[in-house]
Amino acid sequence: MSTSVEQIEKHCPRHLNITTIDTKAKQEQWLAAPFNDSCLNEIFRHMSAQLKRYNEWEETLYTALYMLISLLAIVGNGMVVLAVIRKKAMRTNRNVFIVNLALSNLMLALTIVPFLW
C-alpha cells in the first residue's frame, strides 16, 4: 500500500466543515483538514504487518555479529589507546590524532553499536 497523501485520501475521509464559497479557499481548507484517526491507525497497522520479520536463526546470527563487531571495536580501540598512553615515545602529534579517532570509535562501540540491533 502506498503512503502518499493521495493514496491516504482514497482510504481515509477528512474531518471537514467547508464554509467558504471560494474554490481556492475550499481547497486550502481541504488540505488543512485532519484525516480520520482510526483510519490512519489501520493504514499504519497494515504497513507494519508488511515489515520483514526475521527468523530465529537470523536474529541469533545478527545478534552474534553485532556483539562480535562491538567486542572487536572495544578491544582494538582500547589497545590503540593503551599503547599510546603507556609509551612516551608513541606520543607524537600523529598518534594523538589516532588516539582521538580511537576514543571516538570506542565511545561509539560502547554506546551505540550494542543498541543498533
Protein backbone atom coordinates (compact mmCIF):
# COMPACT_ATOMS: atom_id res chain seq x y z
CA MET A 1 0.00 0.00 0.00
CA SER A 2 1.39 3.37 -0.97
CA THR A 3 1.59 6.05 1.68
CA SER A 4 1.28 9.16 -0.45
CA VAL A 5 -1.32 11.72 0.56
CA GLU A 6 -3.40 10.88 -2.50
CA GLN A 7 -3.50 7.20 -1.52
CA ILE A 8 -4.43 8.05 2.06
CA GLU A 9 -7.20 10.35 0.81
CA LYS A 10 -8.68 7.42 -1.14
CA HIS A 11 -8.92 5.33 2.03
CA CYS A 12 -9.45 7.82 4.83
CA PRO A 13 -12.02 10.60 4.96
CA ARG A 14 -11.06 14.00 6.31
CA HIS A 15 -12.89 15.79 9.10
CA LEU A 16 -14.04 18.92 7.31
CA ASN A 17 -16.60 21.68 7.55
CA ILE A 18 -16.35 23.79 4.40
CA THR A 19 -17.89 27.18 4.98
CA THR A 20 -16.28 29.26 2.25
CA ILE A 21 -17.55 29.69 -1.29
CA ASP A 22 -14.22 30.44 -2.97
CA THR A 23 -12.73 27.37 -4.69
CA LYS A 24 -9.15 28.16 -3.71
CA ALA A 25 -10.16 28.67 -0.07
CA LYS A 26 -12.11 25.39 -0.16
CA GLN A 27 -9.03 23.59 -1.45
CA GLU A 28 -6.85 25.14 1.28
CA GLN A 29 -9.39 24.13 3.92
CA TRP A 30 -9.49 20.64 2.44
CA LEU A 31 -5.70 20.26 2.56
CA ALA A 32 -5.54 21.59 6.13
CA ALA A 33 -8.29 19.28 7.43
CA PRO A 34 -7.11 16.30 9.50
CA PHE A 35 -7.60 12.70 8.47
CA ASN A 36 -9.74 10.23 10.37
CA ASP A 37 -7.52 8.86 13.19
CA SER A 38 -8.87 5.33 13.28
CA CYS A 39 -8.43 5.02 9.53
CA LEU A 40 -4.82 6.23 9.73
CA ASN A 41 -4.12 3.80 12.55
CA GLU A 42 -5.48 0.99 10.39
CA ILE A 43 -3.21 2.01 7.49
CA PHE A 44 -0.15 2.09 9.76
CA ARG A 45 -1.08 -1.28 11.31
CA HIS A 46 -1.33 -2.71 7.79
CA MET A 47 2.06 -1.21 6.86
CA SER A 48 3.78 -2.56 9.97
CA ALA A 49 2.30 -6.01 9.32
CA GLN A 50 4.11 -6.00 5.98
CA LEU A 51 7.53 -5.29 7.51
CA LYS A 52 10.04 -8.10 7.21
CA ARG A 53 10.17 -10.34 10.22
CA TYR A 54 13.40 -12.18 10.96
CA ASN A 55 13.57 -15.89 11.64
CA GLU A 56 15.02 -17.02 14.95
CA TRP A 57 18.30 -18.13 13.35
CA GLU A 58 18.62 -14.75 11.57
CA GLU A 59 18.11 -12.91 14.85
CA THR A 60 20.74 -15.09 16.50
CA LEU A 61 23.19 -14.56 13.64
CA TYR A 62 22.74 -10.78 13.55
CA THR A 63 22.94 -10.52 17.33
CA ALA A 64 26.18 -12.51 17.35
CA LEU A 65 27.63 -10.37 14.54
CA TYR A 66 26.76 -7.13 16.33
CA MET A 67 28.27 -8.46 19.55
CA LEU A 68 31.43 -9.52 17.70
CA ILE A 69 31.78 -6.15 15.96
CA SER A 70 31.23 -4.31 19.24
CA LEU A 71 33.70 -6.51 21.10
CA LEU A 72 36.38 -6.17 18.40
CA ALA A 73 35.91 -2.40 18.34
CA ILE A 74 36.24 -2.16 22.12
CA VAL A 75 39.33 -4.38 22.28
CA GLY A 76 41.06 -2.93 19.22
CA ASN A 77 40.49 0.71 20.04
CA GLY A 78 41.30 0.10 23.69
CA MET A 79 44.65 -1.42 22.69
CA VAL A 80 45.45 1.60 20.49
CA VAL A 81 44.71 4.00 23.35
CA LEU A 82 46.71 1.96 25.87
CA ALA A 83 49.70 1.59 23.52
CA VAL A 84 49.98 5.34 23.02
CA ILE A 85 49.38 6.17 26.69
CA ARG A 86 51.95 3.64 28.02
CA LYS A 87 54.91 4.50 25.77
CA LYS A 88 56.12 8.06 25.91
CA ALA A 89 57.86 7.69 22.53
CA MET A 90 54.50 7.00 20.89
CA ARG A 91 53.06 10.39 21.89
CA THR A 92 53.59 12.18 18.60
CA ASN A 93 51.11 14.55 17.01
CA ARG A 94 50.04 11.90 14.53
CA ASN A 95 49.48 9.29 17.25
CA VAL A 96 47.50 11.73 19.40
CA PHE A 97 45.20 12.23 16.41
CA ILE A 98 44.90 8.45 16.03
CA VAL A 99 44.09 8.15 19.75
CA ASN A 100 41.35 10.74 19.35
CA LEU A 101 39.88 8.70 16.49
CA ALA A 102 40.20 5.52 18.54
CA LEU A 103 38.47 7.15 21.52
CA SER A 104 35.57 8.34 19.37
CA ASN A 105 35.23 4.89 17.83
CA LEU A 106 35.43 3.35 21.31
CA MET A 107 32.60 5.57 22.52
CA LEU A 108 30.51 4.52 19.52
CA ALA A 109 31.25 0.87 20.19
CA LEU A 110 30.23 1.25 23.83
CA THR A 111 27.13 3.40 23.44
CA ILE A 112 25.59 2.95 20.00
CA VAL A 113 26.58 -0.34 18.35
CA PRO A 114 25.14 -2.61 21.07
CA PHE A 115 21.77 -0.86 20.76
CA LEU A 116 21.52 -0.72 16.95
CA TRP A 117 20.17 -4.21 16.62
